[in-house]
C-alpha atoms as a PDB file:
ATOM      1  CA  UNK A   1      22.570  28.482  61.929  1.00  0.00           C
ATOM      2  CA  UNK A   2      23.523  25.428  60.393  1.00  0.00           C
ATOM      3  CA  UNK A   3      27.180  25.088  58.293  1.00  0.00           C
ATOM      4  CA  UNK A   4      27.315  26.413  55.029  1.00  0.00           C
ATOM      5  CA  UNK A   5      28.141  23.211  52.245  1.00  0.00           C
ATOM      6  CA  UNK A   6      31.457  23.880  50.839  1.00  0.00           C
ATOM      7  CA  UNK A   7      33.386  22.382  48.062  1.00  0.00           C
ATOM      8  CA  UNK A   8      36.812  23.280  46.573  1.00  0.00           C
ATOM      9  CA  UNK A   9      37.972  22.904  42.987  1.00  0.00           C
ATOM     10  CA  UNK A  10      41.681  21.936  42.691  1.00  0.00           C
ATOM     11  CA  UNK A  11      43.684  20.128  45.263  1.00  0.00           C
ATOM     12  CA  UNK A  12      46.986  21.299  45.014  1.00  0.00           C
ATOM     13  CA  UNK A  13      46.911  24.358  46.912  1.00  0.00           C
ATOM     14  CA  UNK A  14      43.293  23.696  47.537  1.00  0.00           C
ATOM     15  CA  UNK A  15      44.183  21.124  49.831  1.00  0.00           C
ATOM     16  CA  UNK A  16      44.440  23.826  52.639  1.00  0.00           C
ATOM     17  CA  UNK A  17      40.992  25.036  51.668  1.00  0.00           C
ATOM     18  CA  UNK A  18      39.721  21.463  52.136  1.00  0.00           C
ATOM     19  CA  UNK A  19      41.394  20.993  55.541  1.00  0.00           C
ATOM     20  CA  UNK A  20      40.215  24.497  57.026  1.00  0.00           C
ATOM     21  CA  UNK A  21      36.510  24.176  55.541  1.00  0.00           C
ATOM     22  CA  UNK A  22      36.846  20.641  57.545  1.00  0.00           C
ATOM     23  CA  UNK A  23      37.949  22.459  60.657  1.00  0.00           C
ATOM     24  CA  UNK A  24      35.588  25.003  60.907  1.00  0.00           C
ATOM     25  CA  UNK A  25      32.320  24.599  62.529  1.00  0.00           C
ATOM     26  CA  UNK A  26      30.421  27.360  60.099  1.00  0.00           C
ATOM     27  CA  UNK A  27      31.365  24.856  56.967  1.00  0.00           C
ATOM     28  CA  UNK A  28      30.508  21.465  56.220  1.00  0.00           C
ATOM     29  CA  UNK A  29      33.083  20.074  53.646  1.00  0.00           C
ATOM     30  CA  UNK A  30      30.675  18.350  51.069  1.00  0.00           C
ATOM     31  CA  UNK A  31      32.832  18.037  47.833  1.00  0.00           C
ATOM     32  CA  UNK A  32      35.945  18.234  46.164  1.00  0.00           C
ATOM     33  CA  UNK A  33      36.984  18.015  42.362  1.00  0.00           C
ATOM     34  CA  UNK A  34      40.229  17.651  40.837  1.00  0.00           C
ATOM     35  CA  UNK A  35      41.305  16.097  37.612  1.00  0.00           C
ATOM     36  CA  UNK A  36      44.191  14.325  39.093  1.00  0.00           C
ATOM     37  CA  UNK A  37      43.047  10.686  40.154  1.00  0.00           C
ATOM     38  CA  UNK A  38      45.552  10.703  42.994  1.00  0.00           C
ATOM     39  CA  UNK A  39      44.441  13.722  44.650  1.00  0.00           C
ATOM     40  CA  UNK A  40      40.832  12.675  44.311  1.00  0.00           C
ATOM     41  CA  UNK A  41      41.503   9.435  46.093  1.00  0.00           C
ATOM     42  CA  UNK A  42      43.553  10.736  49.215  1.00  0.00           C
ATOM     43  CA  UNK A  43      41.028  13.585  49.474  1.00  0.00           C
ATOM     44  CA  UNK A  44      38.138  11.015  49.329  1.00  0.00           C
ATOM     45  CA  UNK A  45      39.825   8.581  51.886  1.00  0.00           C
ATOM     46  CA  UNK A  46      40.758  11.784  54.079  1.00  0.00           C
ATOM     47  CA  UNK A  47      37.570  13.629  54.531  1.00  0.00           C
ATOM     48  CA  UNK A  48      35.321  10.793  53.544  1.00  0.00           C
ATOM     49  CA  UNK A  49      33.194  12.783  51.103  1.00  0.00           C
ATOM     50  CA  UNK A  50      31.814  13.206  47.262  1.00  0.00           C
ATOM     51  CA  UNK A  51      34.809  13.819  44.992  1.00  0.00           C
ATOM     52  CA  UNK A  52      34.482  14.659  41.519  1.00  0.00           C
ATOM     53  CA  UNK A  53      36.755  14.675  38.643  1.00  0.00           C
ATOM     54  CA  UNK A  54      34.488  17.188  36.416  1.00  0.00           C
ATOM     55  CA  UNK A  55      33.375  20.709  37.971  1.00  0.00           C
ATOM     56  CA  UNK A  56      30.231  20.780  36.032  1.00  0.00           C
ATOM     57  CA  UNK A  57      29.230  17.459  37.354  1.00  0.00           C
ATOM     58  CA  UNK A  58      30.032  18.898  41.003  1.00  0.00           C
ATOM     59  CA  UNK A  59      27.932  21.795  40.837  1.00  0.00           C
ATOM     60  CA  UNK A  60      24.770  19.646  40.302  1.00  0.00           C
ATOM     61  CA  UNK A  61      25.413  18.522  44.250  1.00  0.00           C
ATOM     62  CA  UNK A  62      22.562  20.667  45.771  1.00  0.00           C
ATOM     63  CA  UNK A  63      24.308  20.635  49.142  1.00  0.00           C
ATOM     64  CA  UNK A  64      27.190  23.084  47.863  1.00  0.00           C
ATOM     65  CA  UNK A  65      26.491  26.616  48.751  1.00  0.00           C
ATOM     66  CA  UNK A  66      30.068  27.636  48.427  1.00  0.00           C
ATOM     67  CA  UNK A  67      32.558  26.945  46.107  1.00  0.00           C
ATOM     68  CA  UNK A  68      36.570  27.751  46.473  1.00  0.00           C
ATOM     69  CA  UNK A  69      38.447  27.761  43.236  1.00  0.00           C
ATOM     70  CA  UNK A  70      42.077  26.898  43.639  1.00  0.00           C
ATOM     71  CA  UNK A  71      43.107  25.434  40.025  1.00  0.00           C
ATOM     72  CA  UNK A  72      45.950  27.026  38.068  1.00  0.00           C
ATOM     73  CA  UNK A  73      44.819  30.721  37.127  1.00  0.00           C
ATOM     74  CA  UNK A  74      44.184  30.263  34.036  1.00  0.00           C
ATOM     75  CA  UNK A  75      40.766  28.495  34.720  1.00  0.00           C
ATOM     76  CA  UNK A  76      39.685  30.763  37.687  1.00  0.00           C
ATOM     77  CA  UNK A  77      37.499  32.914  35.484  1.00  0.00           C
ATOM     78  CA  UNK A  78      35.545  29.602  33.491  1.00  0.00           C
ATOM     79  CA  UNK A  79      35.214  28.268  37.078  1.00  0.00           C
ATOM     80  CA  UNK A  80      34.086  30.855  39.015  1.00  0.00           C
ATOM     81  CA  UNK A  81      31.458  31.977  36.545  1.00  0.00           C
ATOM     82  CA  UNK A  82      30.086  28.598  36.416  1.00  0.00           C
ATOM     83  CA  UNK A  83      29.733  28.500  40.211  1.00  0.00           C
ATOM     84  CA  UNK A  84      28.386  31.714  40.135  1.00  0.00           C
ATOM     85  CA  UNK A  85      25.967  31.039  37.508  1.00  0.00           C
ATOM     86  CA  UNK A  86      24.364  27.863  39.611  1.00  0.00           C
ATOM     87  CA  UNK A  87      23.846  29.934  42.419  1.00  0.00           C
ATOM     88  CA  UNK A  88      26.936  29.539  44.517  1.00  0.00           C
ATOM     89  CA  UNK A  89      29.272  31.684  46.448  1.00  0.00           C
ATOM     90  CA  UNK A  90      32.546  31.751  45.134  1.00  0.00           C
ATOM     91  CA  UNK A  91      36.242  32.458  46.562  1.00  0.00           C
ATOM     92  CA  UNK A  92      39.157  32.310  44.477  1.00  0.00           C
ATOM     93  CA  UNK A  93      42.675  31.728  44.851  1.00  0.00           C
ATOM     94  CA  UNK A  94      45.251  34.305  43.627  1.00  0.00           C
ATOM     95  CA  UNK A  95      45.278  35.671  41.122  1.00  0.00           C
ATOM     96  CA  UNK A  96      42.182  36.330  40.254  1.00  0.00           C
ATOM     97  CA  UNK A  97      42.096  35.866  36.567  1.00  0.00           C
ATOM     98  CA  UNK A  98      44.809  36.054  33.673  1.00  0.00           C
ATOM     99  CA  UNK A  99      43.675  39.470  32.552  1.00  0.00           C
ATOM    100  CA  UNK A 100      41.415  42.437  33.096  1.00  0.00           C
ATOM    101  CA  UNK A 101      38.656  40.905  30.549  1.00  0.00           C
ATOM    102  CA  UNK A 102      38.276  37.910  32.439  1.00  0.00           C
ATOM    103  CA  UNK A 103      38.489  39.672  36.142  1.00  0.00           C
ATOM    104  CA  UNK A 104      35.452  42.197  34.625  1.00  0.00           C
ATOM    105  CA  UNK A 105      33.623  39.346  33.455  1.00  0.00           C
ATOM    106  CA  UNK A 106      34.077  37.519  37.099  1.00  0.00           C
ATOM    107  CA  UNK A 107      33.007  40.744  38.890  1.00  0.00           C
ATOM    108  CA  UNK A 108      29.853  41.612  36.371  1.00  0.00           C
ATOM    109  CA  UNK A 109      28.672  37.669  37.247  1.00  0.00           C
ATOM    110  CA  UNK A 110      28.860  38.220  40.615  1.00  0.00           C
ATOM    111  CA  UNK A 111      27.158  41.578  40.544  1.00  0.00           C
ATOM    112  CA  UNK A 112      24.433  40.129  38.484  1.00  0.00           C
ATOM    113  CA  UNK A 113      24.186  37.267  41.032  1.00  0.00           C
ATOM    114  CA  UNK A 114      24.138  39.559  44.021  1.00  0.00           C
ATOM    115  CA  UNK A 115      21.425  42.153  42.383  1.00  0.00           C
ATOM    116  CA  UNK A 116      19.247  38.732  41.882  1.00  0.00           C
ATOM    117  CA  UNK A 117      19.627  37.732  45.365  1.00  0.00           C
ATOM    118  CA  UNK A 118      18.610  41.228  46.656  1.00  0.00           C
ATOM    119  CA  UNK A 119      15.747  41.491  44.461  1.00  0.00           C
ATOM    120  CA  UNK A 120      14.683  38.194  45.253  1.00  0.00           C
ATOM    121  CA  UNK A 121      15.012  38.884  49.305  1.00  0.00           C
ATOM    122  CA  UNK A 122      12.933  42.579  48.813  1.00  0.00           C
ATOM    123  CA  UNK A 123      10.094  40.838  46.831  1.00  0.00           C
END
């Protein structure tokens, strides 16, 4: 089985995710995203990969199969939903969301994506 293409949004605590993806043979770290130019430059230098300052732009990278969202928690829901809607698997740092409404929206989006994949698989 070939490695899954991984991306990380948020290089504060997300830097740990990037290091882990880079070390695991089951994954290939292919992209990172952060609004802080210094963090991006360090990651680009350390990992030698695509570095984005805009998550929407990063999600157009077809090599990405799984996304870790490791940004400040108020941005978790919109970023996770965007990644799910683009067809990616998503891992979210805790807390999942800032309120139940956002968490429910994330779960609903993930459930819809799973149902769609299962339907495609069984057709």
